[in-house]
PDB file of N, CA and C in Angstrom:
ATOM      1  N   UNK A   1     220.300 156.558  23.848  1.00  0.00           N
ATOM      2  CA  UNK A   1     219.716 155.654  24.812  1.00  0.00           C
ATOM      3  C   UNK A   1     218.569 156.355  25.511  1.00  0.00           C
ATOM      4  N   UNK A   2     217.539 155.638  25.794  1.00  0.00           N
ATOM      5  CA  UNK A   2     216.423 156.244  26.499  1.00  0.00           C
ATOM      6  C   UNK A   2     216.287 155.608  27.882  1.00  0.00           C
ATOM      7  N   UNK A   3     215.811 156.402  28.813  1.00  0.00           N
ATOM      8  CA  UNK A   3     215.572 155.929  30.173  1.00  0.00           C
ATOM      9  C   UNK A   3     214.118 155.516  30.315  1.00  0.00           C
ATOM     10  N   UNK A   4     213.855 154.559  31.175  1.00  0.00           N
ATOM     11  CA  UNK A   4     212.491 154.196  31.506  1.00  0.00           C
ATOM     12  C   UNK A   4     211.962 155.226  32.491  1.00  0.00           C
ATOM     13  N   UNK A   5     210.829 155.777  32.222  1.00  0.00           N
ATOM     14  CA  UNK A   5     210.219 156.730  33.142  1.00  0.00           C
ATOM     15  C   UNK A   5     208.751 156.368  33.323  1.00  0.00           C
ATOM     16  N   UNK A   6     208.177 156.825  34.396  1.00  0.00           N
ATOM     17  CA  UNK A   6     206.762 156.587  34.630  1.00  0.00           C
ATOM     18  C   UNK A   6     205.924 157.635  33.932  1.00  0.00           C
ATOM     19  N   UNK A   7     204.705 157.300  33.656  1.00  0.00           N
ATOM     20  CA  UNK A   7     203.778 158.237  33.051  1.00  0.00           C
ATOM     21  C   UNK A   7     202.598 158.390  33.995  1.00  0.00           C
ATOM     22  N   UNK A   8     202.574 159.464  34.748  1.00  0.00           N
ATOM     23  CA  UNK A   8     201.515 159.674  35.737  1.00  0.00           C
ATOM     24  C   UNK A   8     200.180 160.006  35.091  1.00  0.00           C
ATOM     25  N   UNK A   9     200.176 160.342  33.819  1.00  0.00           N
ATOM     26  CA  UNK A   9     198.933 160.645  33.121  1.00  0.00           C
ATOM     27  C   UNK A   9     198.389 159.433  32.383  1.00  0.00           C
ATOM     28  N   UNK A  10     198.973 158.269  32.636  1.00  0.00           N
ATOM     29  CA  UNK A  10     198.516 157.043  31.996  1.00  0.00           C
ATOM     30  C   UNK A  10     197.060 156.791  32.363  1.00  0.00           C
ATOM     31  N   UNK A  11     196.277 156.494  31.383  1.00  0.00           N
ATOM     32  CA  UNK A  11     194.860 156.252  31.606  1.00  0.00           C
ATOM     33  C   UNK A  11     194.677 154.877  32.257  1.00  0.00           C
ATOM     34  N   UNK A  12     193.915 154.849  33.331  1.00  0.00           N
ATOM     35  CA  UNK A  12     193.633 153.610  34.039  1.00  0.00           C
ATOM     36  C   UNK A  12     192.124 153.433  34.137  1.00  0.00           C
ATOM     37  N   UNK A  13     191.708 152.310  34.668  1.00  0.00           N
ATOM     38  CA  UNK A  13     190.278 152.046  34.785  1.00  0.00           C
ATOM     39  C   UNK A  13     189.611 153.018  35.756  1.00  0.00           C
ATOM     40  N   UNK A  14     190.140 153.141  36.963  1.00  0.00           N
ATOM     41  CA  UNK A  14     189.610 154.070  37.960  1.00  0.00           C
ATOM     42  C   UNK A  14     190.752 154.726  38.687  1.00  0.00           C
ATOM     43  N   UNK A  15     190.791 155.948  38.945  1.00  0.00           N
ATOM     44  CA  UNK A  15     190.181 157.077  38.245  1.00  0.00           C
ATOM     45  C   UNK A  15     190.880 157.323  36.912  1.00  0.00           C
ATOM     46  N   UNK A  16     190.810 158.549  36.393  1.00  0.00           N
ATOM     47  CA  UNK A  16     191.336 158.830  35.061  1.00  0.00           C
ATOM     48  C   UNK A  16     192.845 158.676  34.945  1.00  0.00           C
ATOM     49  N   UNK A  17     193.587 159.042  35.987  1.00  0.00           N
ATOM     50  CA  UNK A  17     195.047 158.905  35.935  1.00  0.00           C
ATOM     51  C   UNK A  17     195.588 158.463  37.292  1.00  0.00           C
ATOM     52  N   UNK A  18     196.775 157.895  37.282  1.00  0.00           N
ATOM     53  CA  UNK A  18     197.411 157.417  38.511  1.00  0.00           C
ATOM     54  C   UNK A  18     197.622 158.566  39.485  1.00  0.00           C
ATOM     55  N   UNK A  19     197.907 159.749  38.981  1.00  0.00           N
ATOM     56  CA  UNK A  19     198.170 160.911  39.826  1.00  0.00           C
ATOM     57  C   UNK A  19     196.971 161.240  40.714  1.00  0.00           C
ATOM     58  N   UNK A  20     195.776 160.891  40.299  1.00  0.00           N
ATOM     59  CA  UNK A  20     194.577 161.192  41.081  1.00  0.00           C
ATOM     60  C   UNK A  20     194.398 160.267  42.282  1.00  0.00           C
ATOM     61  N   UNK A  21     195.160 159.190  42.365  1.00  0.00           N
ATOM     62  CA  UNK A  21     195.096 158.302  43.521  1.00  0.00           C
ATOM     63  C   UNK A  21     195.770 158.903  44.746  1.00  0.00           C
ATOM     64  N   UNK A  22     196.674 159.850  44.529  1.00  0.00           N
ATOM     65  CA  UNK A  22     197.443 160.453  45.622  1.00  0.00           C
ATOM     66  C   UNK A  22     196.871 161.831  45.915  1.00  0.00           C
ATOM     67  N   UNK A  23     196.547 162.072  47.197  1.00  0.00           N
ATOM     68  CA  UNK A  23     195.981 163.368  47.582  1.00  0.00           C
ATOM     69  C   UNK A  23     196.943 164.511  47.255  1.00  0.00           C
ATOM     70  N   UNK A  24     196.409 165.686  47.086  1.00  0.00           N
ATOM     71  CA  UNK A  24     197.228 166.866  46.760  1.00  0.00           C
ATOM     72  C   UNK A  24     198.145 167.244  47.916  1.00  0.00           C
ATOM     73  N   UNK A  25     197.776 166.909  49.168  1.00  0.00           N
ATOM     74  CA  UNK A  25     198.587 167.264  50.327  1.00  0.00           C
ATOM     75  C   UNK A  25     199.455 166.102  50.818  1.00  0.00           C
ATOM     76  N   UNK A  26     199.585 165.053  50.023  1.00  0.00           N
ATOM     77  CA  UNK A  26     200.412 163.903  50.408  1.00  0.00           C
ATOM     78  C   UNK A  26     201.889 164.305  50.425  1.00  0.00           C
ATOM     79  N   UNK A  27     202.653 163.871  51.415  1.00  0.00           N
ATOM     80  CA  UNK A  27     204.078 164.233  51.507  1.00  0.00           C
ATOM     81  C   UNK A  27     204.907 163.813  50.297  1.00  0.00           C
ATOM     82  N   UNK A  28     204.471 162.806  49.572  1.00  0.00           N
ATOM     83  CA  UNK A  28     205.250 162.364  48.406  1.00  0.00           C
ATOM     84  C   UNK A  28     205.391 163.487  47.391  1.00  0.00           C
ATOM     85  N   UNK A  29     204.435 164.373  47.321  1.00  0.00           N
ATOM     86  CA  UNK A  29     204.515 165.496  46.370  1.00  0.00           C
ATOM     87  C   UNK A  29     205.640 166.464  46.748  1.00  0.00           C
ATOM     88  N   UNK A  30     205.887 166.647  48.042  1.00  0.00           N
ATOM     89  CA  UNK A  30     206.987 167.511  48.486  1.00  0.00           C
ATOM     90  C   UNK A  30     208.330 166.886  48.131  1.00  0.00           C
ATOM     91  N   UNK A  31     208.458 165.576  48.348  1.00  0.00           N
ATOM     92  CA  UNK A  31     209.699 164.885  47.973  1.00  0.00           C
ATOM     93  C   UNK A  31     209.932 164.975  46.471  1.00  0.00           C
ATOM     94  N   UNK A  32     208.878 164.805  45.707  1.00  0.00           N
ATOM     95  CA  UNK A  32     208.971 164.868  44.251  1.00  0.00           C
ATOM     96  C   UNK A  32     209.465 166.247  43.797  1.00  0.00           C
ATOM     97  N   UNK A  33     208.878 167.305  44.341  1.00  0.00           N
ATOM     98  CA  UNK A  33     209.276 168.663  43.973  1.00  0.00           C
ATOM     99  C   UNK A  33     210.704 168.962  44.423  1.00  0.00           C
ATOM    100  N   UNK A  34     211.079 168.485  45.616  1.00  0.00           N
ATOM    101  CA  UNK A  34     212.430 168.712  46.133  1.00  0.00           C
ATOM    102  C   UNK A  34     213.484 168.088  45.229  1.00  0.00           C
ATOM    103  N   UNK A  35     213.292 166.829  44.870  1.00  0.00           N
ATOM    104  CA  UNK A  35     214.288 166.131  44.059  1.00  0.00           C
ATOM    105  C   UNK A  35     214.339 166.701  42.646  1.00  0.00           C
ATOM    106  N   UNK A  36     213.218 167.195  42.137  1.00  0.00           N
ATOM    107  CA  UNK A  36     213.217 167.815  40.805  1.00  0.00           C
ATOM    108  C   UNK A  36     214.121 169.044  40.753  1.00  0.00           C
ATOM    109  N   UNK A  37     214.348 169.685  41.897  1.00  0.00           N
ATOM    110  CA  UNK A  37     215.185 170.889  41.944  1.00  0.00           C
ATOM    111  C   UNK A  37     216.678 170.574  42.051  1.00  0.00           C
ATOM    112  N   UNK A  38     217.026 169.315  42.259  1.00  0.00           N
ATOM    113  CA  UNK A  38     218.427 168.932  42.448  1.00  0.00           C
ATOM    114  C   UNK A  38     219.116 168.774  41.094  1.00  0.00           C
ATOM    115  N   UNK A  39     220.313 169.341  40.991  1.00  0.00           N
ATOM    116  CA  UNK A  39     221.149 169.131  39.811  1.00  0.00           C
ATOM    117  C   UNK A  39     221.975 167.875  40.088  1.00  0.00           C
ATOM    118  N   UNK A  40     221.671 166.802  39.372  1.00  0.00           N
ATOM    119  CA  UNK A  40     222.307 165.523  39.641  1.00  0.00           C
ATOM    120  C   UNK A  40     223.817 165.555  39.453  1.00  0.00           C
ATOM    121  N   UNK A  41     224.283 166.293  38.473  1.00  0.00           N
ATOM    122  CA  UNK A  41     225.724 166.349  38.218  1.00  0.00           C
ATOM    123  C   UNK A  41     226.475 167.034  39.353  1.00  0.00           C
ATOM    124  N   UNK A  42     225.826 167.979  40.024  1.00  0.00           N
ATOM    125  CA  UNK A  42     226.464 168.670  41.149  1.00  0.00           C
ATOM    126  C   UNK A  42     226.678 167.739  42.338  1.00  0.00           C
ATOM    127  N   UNK A  43     225.845 166.717  42.473  1.00  0.00           N
ATOM    128  CA  UNK A  43     226.011 165.789  43.592  1.00  0.00           C
ATOM    129  C   UNK A  43     226.726 164.509  43.166  1.00  0.00           C
ATOM    130  N   UNK A  44     227.241 164.501  41.952  1.00  0.00           N
ATOM    131  CA  UNK A  44     228.079 163.390  41.516  1.00  0.00           C
ATOM    132  C   UNK A  44     227.375 162.257  40.795  1.00  0.00           C
ATOM    133  N   UNK A  45     226.140 162.464  40.385  1.00  0.00           N
ATOM    134  CA  UNK A  45     225.418 161.436  39.634  1.00  0.00           C
ATOM    135  C   UNK A  45     225.548 161.754  38.151  1.00  0.00           C
ATOM    136  N   UNK A  46     226.173 160.835  37.430  1.00  0.00           N
ATOM    137  CA  UNK A  46     226.410 161.043  36.001  1.00  0.00           C
ATOM    138  C   UNK A  46     225.187 160.578  35.220  1.00  0.00           C
ATOM    139  N   UNK A  47     224.680 161.471  34.376  1.00  0.00           N
ATOM    140  CA  UNK A  47     223.547 161.144  33.512  1.00  0.00           C
ATOM    141  C   UNK A  47     224.056 161.166  32.085  1.00  0.00           C
ATOM    142  N   UNK A  48     224.142 159.988  31.496  1.00  0.00           N
ATOM    143  CA  UNK A  48     224.649 159.867  30.130  1.00  0.00           C
ATOM    144  C   UNK A  48     223.533 159.325  29.248  1.00  0.00           C
ATOM    145  N   UNK A  49     222.871 160.205  28.524  1.00  0.00           N
ATOM    146  CA  UNK A  49     221.753 159.796  27.682  1.00  0.00           C
ATOM    147  C   UNK A  49     222.217 159.186  26.367  1.00  0.00           C
ATOM    148  N   UNK A  50     223.512 159.253  26.071  1.00  0.00           N
ATOM    149  CA  UNK A  50     224.042 158.719  24.818  1.00  0.00           C
ATOM    150  C   UNK A  50     224.706 157.359  24.979  1.00  0.00           C
ATOM    151  N   UNK A  51     224.660 156.784  26.169  1.00  0.00           N
ATOM    152  CA  UNK A  51     225.298 155.488  26.406  1.00  0.00           C
ATOM    153  C   UNK A  51     224.574 154.404  25.612  1.00  0.00           C
ATOM    154  N   UNK A  52     225.338 153.473  25.084  1.00  0.00           N
ATOM    155  CA  UNK A  52     224.771 152.369  24.322  1.00  0.00           C
ATOM    156  C   UNK A  52     224.689 151.155  25.235  1.00  0.00           C
ATOM    157  N   UNK A  53     223.474 150.825  25.635  1.00  0.00           N
ATOM    158  CA  UNK A  53     223.214 149.675  26.502  1.00  0.00           C
ATOM    159  C   UNK A  53     221.708 149.512  26.602  1.00  0.00           C
ATOM    160  N   UNK A  54     221.289 148.500  27.338  1.00  0.00           N
ATOM    161  CA  UNK A  54     219.858 148.336  27.579  1.00  0.00           C
ATOM    162  C   UNK A  54     219.340 149.539  28.345  1.00  0.00           C
ATOM    163  N   UNK A  55     218.092 149.863  28.138  1.00  0.00           N
ATOM    164  CA  UNK A  55     217.527 151.005  28.847  1.00  0.00           C
ATOM    165  C   UNK A  55     217.495 150.718  30.345  1.00  0.00           C
ATOM    166  N   UNK A  56     217.635 151.755  31.115  1.00  0.00           N
ATOM    167  CA  UNK A  56     217.596 151.633  32.573  1.00  0.00           C
ATOM    168  C   UNK A  56     216.675 152.723  33.101  1.00  0.00           C
ATOM    169  N   UNK A  57     216.384 152.650  34.368  1.00  0.00           N
ATOM    170  CA  UNK A  57     215.522 153.667  34.961  1.00  0.00           C
ATOM    171  C   UNK A  57     216.276 154.975  35.097  1.00  0.00           C
ATOM    172  N   UNK A  58     215.575 156.065  34.952  1.00  0.00           N
ATOM    173  CA  UNK A  58     216.178 157.388  35.029  1.00  0.00           C
ATOM    174  C   UNK A  58     216.767 157.612  36.423  1.00  0.00           C
ATOM    175  N   UNK A  59     217.985 158.135  36.503  1.00  0.00           N
ATOM    176  CA  UNK A  59     218.617 158.374  37.812  1.00  0.00           C
ATOM    177  C   UNK A  59     217.779 159.270  38.722  1.00  0.00           C
ATOM    178  N   UNK A  60     217.083 160.249  38.161  1.00  0.00           N
ATOM    179  CA  UNK A  60     216.257 161.146  38.971  1.00  0.00           C
ATOM    180  C   UNK A  60     215.109 160.369  39.616  1.00  0.00           C
ATOM    181  N   UNK A  61     214.509 159.459  38.889  1.00  0.00           N
ATOM    182  CA  UNK A  61     213.419 158.633  39.432  1.00  0.00           C
ATOM    183  C   UNK A  61     213.944 157.731  40.541  1.00  0.00           C
ATOM    184  N   UNK A  62     215.101 157.126  40.323  1.00  0.00           N
ATOM    185  CA  UNK A  62     215.682 156.251  41.339  1.00  0.00           C
ATOM    186  C   UNK A  62     216.024 157.031  42.612  1.00  0.00           C
ATOM    187  N   UNK A  63     216.534 158.260  42.446  1.00  0.00           N
ATOM    188  CA  UNK A  63     216.844 159.089  43.607  1.00  0.00           C
ATOM    189  C   UNK A  63     215.573 159.426  44.381  1.00  0.00           C
ATOM    190  N   UNK A  64     214.483 159.721  43.663  1.00  0.00           N
ATOM    191  CA  UNK A  64     213.211 160.001  44.324  1.00  0.00           C
ATOM    192  C   UNK A  64     212.755 158.798  45.150  1.00  0.00           C
ATOM    193  N   UNK A  65     212.861 157.621  44.581  1.00  0.00           N
ATOM    194  CA  UNK A  65     212.446 156.409  45.286  1.00  0.00           C
ATOM    195  C   UNK A  65     213.294 156.213  46.542  1.00  0.00           C
ATOM    196  N   UNK A  66     214.608 156.355  46.415  1.00  0.00           N
ATOM    197  CA  UNK A  66     215.484 156.140  47.572  1.00  0.00           C
ATOM    198  C   UNK A  66     215.234 157.155  48.685  1.00  0.00           C
ATOM    199  N   UNK A  67     215.118 158.418  48.333  1.00  0.00           N
ATOM    200  CA  UNK A  67     214.885 159.445  49.354  1.00  0.00           C
ATOM    201  C   UNK A  67     213.544 159.221  50.041  1.00  0.00           C
ATOM    202  N   UNK A  68     212.515 158.912  49.269  1.00  0.00           N
ATOM    203  CA  UNK A  68     211.184 158.696  49.853  1.00  0.00           C
ATOM    204  C   UNK A  68     211.163 157.464  50.747  1.00  0.00           C
ATOM    205  N   UNK A  69     211.755 156.384  50.311  1.00  0.00           N
ATOM    206  CA  UNK A  69     211.757 155.168  51.142  1.00  0.00           C
ATOM    207  C   UNK A  69     212.641 155.338  52.373  1.00  0.00           C
ATOM    208  N   UNK A  70     213.761 156.031  52.238  1.00  0.00           N
ATOM    209  CA  UNK A  70     214.623 156.268  53.401  1.00  0.00           C
ATOM    210  C   UNK A  70     213.907 157.124  54.442  1.00  0.00           C
ATOM    211  N   UNK A  71     212.986 157.991  54.007  1.00  0.00           N
ATOM    212  CA  UNK A  71     212.237 158.814  54.964  1.00  0.00           C
ATOM    213  C   UNK A  71     211.328 157.949  55.841  1.00  0.00           C
ATOM    214  N   UNK A  72     210.976 156.756  55.362  1.00  0.00           N
ATOM    215  CA  UNK A  72     210.202 155.800  56.149  1.00  0.00           C
ATOM    216  C   UNK A  72     211.105 154.905  56.981  1.00  0.00           C
ATOM    217  N   UNK A  73     212.408 155.025  56.794  1.00  0.00           N
ATOM    218  CA  UNK A  73     213.346 154.173  57.500  1.00  0.00           C
ATOM    219  C   UNK A  73     213.562 152.840  56.811  1.00  0.00           C
ATOM    220  N   UNK A  74     213.119 152.726  55.572  1.00  0.00           N
ATOM    221  CA  UNK A  74     213.271 151.487  54.818  1.00  0.00           C
ATOM    222  C   UNK A  74     214.610 151.449  54.122  1.00  0.00           C
ATOM    223  N   UNK A  75     215.349 150.369  54.305  1.00  0.00           N
ATOM    224  CA  UNK A  75     216.634 150.186  53.630  1.00  0.00           C
ATOM    225  C   UNK A  75     216.675 148.847  52.889  1.00  0.00           C
ATOM    226  N   UNK A  76     215.605 148.062  53.020  1.00  0.00           N
ATOM    227  CA  UNK A  76     215.572 146.719  52.447  1.00  0.00           C
ATOM    228  C   UNK A  76     214.989 146.789  51.037  1.00  0.00           C
ATOM    229  N   UNK A  77     215.764 146.348  50.066  1.00  0.00           N
ATOM    230  CA  UNK A  77     215.350 146.486  48.671  1.00  0.00           C
ATOM    231  C   UNK A  77     214.073 145.712  48.348  1.00  0.00           C
ATOM    232  N   UNK A  78     213.858 144.582  48.974  1.00  0.00           N
ATOM    233  CA  UNK A  78     212.636 143.816  48.705  1.00  0.00           C
ATOM    234  C   UNK A  78     211.393 144.537  49.221  1.00  0.00           C
ATOM    235  N   UNK A  79     211.541 145.186  50.349  1.00  0.00           N
ATOM    236  CA  UNK A  79     210.423 145.959  50.896  1.00  0.00           C
ATOM    237  C   UNK A  79     210.125 147.161  49.997  1.00  0.00           C
ATOM    238  N   UNK A  80     211.162 147.792  49.486  1.00  0.00           N
ATOM    239  CA  UNK A  80     210.999 148.923  48.574  1.00  0.00           C
ATOM    240  C   UNK A  80     210.330 148.455  47.283  1.00  0.00           C
ATOM    241  N   UNK A  81     210.785 147.329  46.749  1.00  0.00           N
ATOM    242  CA  UNK A  81     210.193 146.802  45.512  1.00  0.00           C
ATOM    243  C   UNK A  81     208.703 146.502  45.715  1.00  0.00           C
ATOM    244  N   UNK A  82     208.355 145.896  46.835  1.00  0.00           N
ATOM    245  CA  UNK A  82     206.959 145.579  47.121  1.00  0.00           C
ATOM    246  C   UNK A  82     206.120 146.856  47.182  1.00  0.00           C
ATOM    247  N   UNK A  83     206.658 147.906  47.790  1.00  0.00           N
ATOM    248  CA  UNK A  83     205.932 149.179  47.867  1.00  0.00           C
ATOM    249  C   UNK A  83     205.728 149.788  46.483  1.00  0.00           C
ATOM    250  N   UNK A  84     206.708 149.612  45.614  1.00  0.00           N
ATOM    251  CA  UNK A  84     206.601 150.167  44.254  1.00  0.00           C
ATOM    252  C   UNK A  84     205.514 149.477  43.439  1.00  0.00           C
ATOM    253  N   UNK A  85     205.146 148.271  43.828  1.00  0.00           N
ATOM    254  CA  UNK A  85     204.065 147.565  43.137  1.00  0.00           C
ATOM    255  C   UNK A  85     202.699 147.787  43.765  1.00  0.00           C
ATOM    256  N   UNK A  86     202.655 148.070  45.072  1.00  0.00           N
ATOM    257  CA  UNK A  86     201.366 148.062  45.771  1.00  0.00           C
ATOM    258  C   UNK A  86     200.965 149.376  46.422  1.00  0.00           C
ATOM    259  N   UNK A  87     201.856 150.292  46.651  1.00  0.00           N
ATOM    260  CA  UNK A  87     201.549 151.527  47.360  1.00  0.00           C
ATOM    261  C   UNK A  87     201.443 152.668  46.344  1.00  0.00           C
ATOM    262  N   UNK A  88     200.279 153.288  46.259  1.00  0.00           N
ATOM    263  CA  UNK A  88     200.043 154.302  45.224  1.00  0.00           C
ATOM    264  C   UNK A  88     200.959 155.514  45.345  1.00  0.00           C
ATOM    265  N   UNK A  89     201.363 155.899  46.532  1.00  0.00           N
ATOM    266  CA  UNK A  89     202.255 157.053  46.649  1.00  0.00           C
ATOM    267  C   UNK A  89     203.639 156.742  46.084  1.00  0.00           C
ATOM    268  N   UNK A  90     204.034 155.482  46.069  1.00  0.00           N
ATOM    269  CA  UNK A  90     205.303 155.092  45.467  1.00  0.00           C
ATOM    270  C   UNK A  90     205.182 154.981  43.947  1.00  0.00           C
ATOM    271  N   UNK A  91     204.048 154.508  43.494  1.00  0.00           N
ATOM    272  CA  UNK A  91     203.863 154.349  42.052  1.00  0.00           C
ATOM    273  C   UNK A  91     203.853 155.698  41.393  1.00  0.00           C
TER     274      UNK A  91
END
């Protein structure tokens, strides 16, 4: 089974990649690096890449989204979804 993941090097019209829309000193980069260091199994998140089902989003990506949105005090899923479509630091 494969997980859906984002591709920050995806070529777009302006600029060359999505990653260039976010400044190098943006706080989202610190959250991204922090969550990358977490061992998901140690905190009880099961990652089963061999499960047979429809593809789903990678647990690490979902954890990044939740931690970043919670840092803004957002708990409403519709508000989070809207940010994932319109706010470049979330994308």
